[in-house]
N, C-alpha and C. Protein backbone atom coordinates (compact mmCIF):
# COMPACT_ATOMS: atom_id res chain seq x y z
N UNK A 1 110.82 111.89 113.69
CA UNK A 1 109.78 111.06 113.11
C UNK A 1 108.97 111.79 112.06
N UNK A 2 108.65 113.06 112.24
CA UNK A 2 107.91 113.74 111.26
C UNK A 2 108.71 113.90 109.97
N UNK A 3 109.97 114.07 110.01
CA UNK A 3 110.78 114.20 108.82
C UNK A 3 110.73 112.88 108.09
N UNK A 4 110.84 111.75 108.70
CA UNK A 4 110.73 110.43 107.98
C UNK A 4 109.39 110.25 107.43
N UNK A 5 108.36 110.66 108.03
CA UNK A 5 107.11 110.46 107.51
C UNK A 5 106.88 111.32 106.33
N UNK A 6 107.35 112.51 106.28
CA UNK A 6 107.31 113.51 105.20
C UNK A 6 108.09 112.96 104.03
N UNK A 7 109.29 112.39 104.31
CA UNK A 7 110.05 111.76 103.20
C UNK A 7 109.41 110.66 102.61
N UNK A 8 108.74 109.78 103.43
CA UNK A 8 107.92 108.78 102.82
C UNK A 8 106.82 109.14 101.94
N UNK A 9 106.02 110.14 102.26
CA UNK A 9 104.99 110.66 101.50
C UNK A 9 105.56 111.40 100.23
N UNK A 10 106.78 111.91 100.22
CA UNK A 10 107.33 112.58 99.14
C UNK A 10 108.01 111.54 98.18
N UNK A 11 108.08 110.22 98.57
CA UNK A 11 108.69 109.36 97.64
C UNK A 11 110.18 109.24 97.72
N UNK A 12 110.75 109.72 98.81
CA UNK A 12 112.20 109.68 98.99
C UNK A 12 112.57 108.15 99.13
N UNK A 13 113.77 107.89 98.93
CA UNK A 13 114.43 106.50 99.05
C UNK A 13 114.64 106.28 100.49
N UNK A 14 113.71 105.91 101.33
CA UNK A 14 113.97 105.67 102.69
C UNK A 14 114.14 104.29 103.12
N UNK A 15 113.85 103.37 102.20
CA UNK A 15 114.13 102.02 102.40
C UNK A 15 115.72 101.90 102.02
N UNK A 16 116.48 101.91 103.05
CA UNK A 16 117.93 101.90 102.90
C UNK A 16 118.50 100.57 102.49
N UNK A 17 117.87 99.52 102.80
CA UNK A 17 118.37 98.16 102.47
C UNK A 17 118.23 97.92 100.95
N UNK A 18 117.24 98.54 100.39
CA UNK A 18 116.98 98.33 98.95
C UNK A 18 117.05 99.62 98.23
N UNK A 19 117.41 100.74 98.80
CA UNK A 19 117.64 102.00 98.17
C UNK A 19 116.37 102.33 97.20
N UNK A 20 115.19 102.29 97.81
CA UNK A 20 114.12 102.69 97.08
C UNK A 20 113.12 103.30 98.04
N UNK A 21 112.08 103.84 97.29
CA UNK A 21 111.00 104.57 98.07
C UNK A 21 110.05 103.50 98.73
N UNK A 22 109.42 103.88 99.87
CA UNK A 22 108.49 103.05 100.53
C UNK A 22 107.09 103.60 100.24
N UNK A 23 106.31 102.96 99.41
CA UNK A 23 105.16 103.58 98.82
C UNK A 23 103.85 102.85 99.25
N UNK A 24 103.80 102.51 100.56
CA UNK A 24 102.55 101.96 100.95
C UNK A 24 101.31 102.72 100.82
N UNK A 25 101.49 104.08 100.91
CA UNK A 25 100.27 104.83 100.67
C UNK A 25 99.77 104.88 99.25
N UNK A 26 100.60 104.51 98.25
CA UNK A 26 100.19 104.45 96.93
C UNK A 26 99.06 103.57 96.65
N UNK A 27 99.02 102.48 97.35
CA UNK A 27 97.75 101.60 97.25
C UNK A 27 96.52 102.18 97.64
N UNK A 28 96.58 103.31 98.43
CA UNK A 28 95.30 103.83 98.92
C UNK A 28 94.97 105.16 98.31
N UNK A 29 95.78 105.64 97.41
CA UNK A 29 95.63 107.01 96.71
C UNK A 29 94.52 106.79 95.68
N UNK A 30 93.76 107.90 95.43
CA UNK A 30 92.81 108.00 94.42
C UNK A 30 93.32 107.81 93.04
N UNK A 31 92.60 107.25 92.19
CA UNK A 31 93.11 107.05 90.74
C UNK A 31 93.68 108.36 90.06
N UNK A 32 93.04 109.47 90.47
CA UNK A 32 93.45 110.72 89.83
C UNK A 32 94.57 111.38 90.58
N UNK A 33 95.08 110.89 91.59
CA UNK A 33 96.27 111.38 92.34
C UNK A 33 97.44 111.15 91.49
N UNK A 34 98.52 111.88 91.80
CA UNK A 34 99.85 111.61 91.13
C UNK A 34 100.96 111.55 92.23
N UNK A 35 101.82 110.74 91.98
CA UNK A 35 103.01 110.62 92.93
C UNK A 35 104.09 110.23 92.01
N UNK A 36 105.07 111.17 91.76
CA UNK A 36 106.22 110.79 90.87
C UNK A 36 107.40 110.45 91.72
N UNK A 37 107.91 109.23 91.37
CA UNK A 37 109.10 108.93 92.04
C UNK A 37 110.09 108.33 90.86
N UNK A 38 111.21 108.96 90.96
CA UNK A 38 112.26 108.72 89.98
C UNK A 38 111.78 108.84 88.51
N UNK A 39 110.90 109.97 88.26
CA UNK A 39 110.39 110.19 86.96
C UNK A 39 109.25 109.36 86.58
N UNK A 40 108.69 108.45 87.53
CA UNK A 40 107.57 107.60 87.13
C UNK A 40 106.42 107.95 87.95
N UNK A 41 105.22 107.97 87.33
CA UNK A 41 103.95 108.12 88.10
C UNK A 41 103.58 106.75 88.65
N UNK A 42 103.88 106.56 89.94
CA UNK A 42 103.62 105.35 90.55
C UNK A 42 102.17 105.08 90.75
N UNK A 43 101.34 106.08 91.00
CA UNK A 43 99.95 105.94 91.22
C UNK A 43 99.24 105.23 89.94
N UNK A 44 99.55 105.79 88.83
CA UNK A 44 99.13 105.14 87.58
C UNK A 44 99.53 103.66 87.49
N UNK A 45 100.76 103.37 87.83
CA UNK A 45 101.19 102.03 87.84
C UNK A 45 100.42 101.13 88.80
N UNK A 46 100.20 101.69 90.01
CA UNK A 46 99.51 100.82 91.01
C UNK A 46 98.02 100.54 90.59
N UNK A 47 97.43 101.57 90.11
CA UNK A 47 95.99 101.37 89.56
C UNK A 47 96.00 100.52 88.26
N UNK A 48 96.96 100.46 87.59
CA UNK A 48 96.99 99.52 86.38
C UNK A 48 97.03 98.13 86.97
N UNK A 49 97.87 97.80 87.90
CA UNK A 49 97.84 96.50 88.53
C UNK A 49 96.63 96.15 89.22
N UNK A 50 96.09 97.18 90.03
CA UNK A 50 94.81 96.87 90.73
C UNK A 50 93.69 96.54 89.79
N UNK A 51 93.60 97.23 88.79
CA UNK A 51 92.66 96.86 87.66
C UNK A 51 92.67 95.50 87.15
N UNK A 52 94.03 95.16 86.88
CA UNK A 52 94.21 93.78 86.31
C UNK A 52 93.80 92.71 87.44
N UNK A 53 94.13 92.98 88.63
CA UNK A 53 93.89 92.07 89.77
C UNK A 53 92.25 92.00 89.90
N UNK A 54 91.55 93.16 89.73
CA UNK A 54 90.10 93.12 89.94
C UNK A 54 89.45 92.27 88.74
N UNK A 55 90.06 92.42 87.52
CA UNK A 55 89.55 91.71 86.35
C UNK A 55 89.73 90.18 86.58
N UNK A 56 90.87 89.85 87.03
CA UNK A 56 91.20 88.46 87.25
C UNK A 56 90.36 87.92 88.40
N UNK A 57 90.06 88.64 89.53
CA UNK A 57 89.31 88.05 90.56
C UNK A 57 87.82 88.01 90.22
N UNK A 58 87.28 88.90 89.25
CA UNK A 58 85.94 88.82 88.79
C UNK A 58 85.75 87.62 87.91
N UNK A 59 86.80 87.29 87.20
CA UNK A 59 86.73 86.10 86.23
C UNK A 59 86.75 84.75 87.13
N UNK A 60 87.36 84.80 88.22
CA UNK A 60 87.44 83.62 89.08
C UNK A 60 86.11 83.48 89.73
N UNK A 61 85.49 84.58 90.28
CA UNK A 61 84.10 84.56 90.92
C UNK A 61 83.11 84.03 89.88
N UNK A 62 83.17 84.50 88.68
CA UNK A 62 82.16 84.15 87.71
C UNK A 62 82.30 82.80 87.16
N UNK A 63 83.49 82.20 87.42
CA UNK A 63 83.75 80.79 86.89
C UNK A 63 84.29 80.85 85.45
N UNK A 64 84.55 81.95 84.98
CA UNK A 64 85.06 82.18 83.62
C UNK A 64 86.43 81.57 83.33
N UNK A 65 87.24 81.45 84.47
CA UNK A 65 88.58 80.92 84.13
C UNK A 65 88.91 79.74 85.17
N UNK A 66 87.78 79.16 85.53
CA UNK A 66 87.88 78.04 86.58
C UNK A 66 88.92 76.90 86.02
N UNK A 67 88.77 76.59 84.77
CA UNK A 67 89.57 75.46 84.34
C UNK A 67 90.76 75.81 83.39
N UNK A 68 91.00 77.16 83.33
CA UNK A 68 92.10 77.63 82.45
C UNK A 68 93.30 77.80 83.28
N UNK A 69 94.40 77.40 82.84
CA UNK A 69 95.70 77.61 83.45
C UNK A 69 96.04 79.13 83.69
N UNK A 70 96.51 79.39 84.76
CA UNK A 70 97.03 80.75 84.94
C UNK A 70 98.22 80.94 84.55
N UNK A 71 98.42 82.07 83.69
CA UNK A 71 99.81 82.37 83.12
C UNK A 71 100.32 83.59 83.72
N UNK A 72 101.67 83.61 83.93
CA UNK A 72 102.21 84.92 84.41
C UNK A 72 102.65 85.82 83.34
N UNK A 73 102.32 87.04 83.43
CA UNK A 73 102.64 88.03 82.42
C UNK A 73 103.70 88.94 82.94
N UNK A 74 104.50 89.49 82.07
CA UNK A 74 105.44 90.41 82.49
C UNK A 74 104.74 91.72 82.61
N UNK A 75 105.24 92.62 83.56
CA UNK A 75 104.69 93.88 83.66
C UNK A 75 104.95 94.74 82.40
N UNK A 76 103.84 95.51 82.03
CA UNK A 76 103.95 96.33 80.83
C UNK A 76 104.58 97.69 81.15
C-alpha cells in the first residue's frame, strides 16, 4: 500500500485502465509547488484552470455574465 501511495505522489502512471497518473493531490497543492509528470508541470496547469474557474464564478455572482451565453474554450 505504501508503495502505491508513494507512486501516486510521484506522478507515476498508476491508473492502469487509462495509463496515466492519478493526480488528486494536485488540486490541493500550493501554487508555488511543482509536480512534473511526463515533462509537464501539472501544478501550474491545475492553478491556471482554478484561476479561470474563479474568474468565471466571480462573474456569475456579480451578475456580470447573467445573460451572456457560456462558450467553451479549448485548453491553452
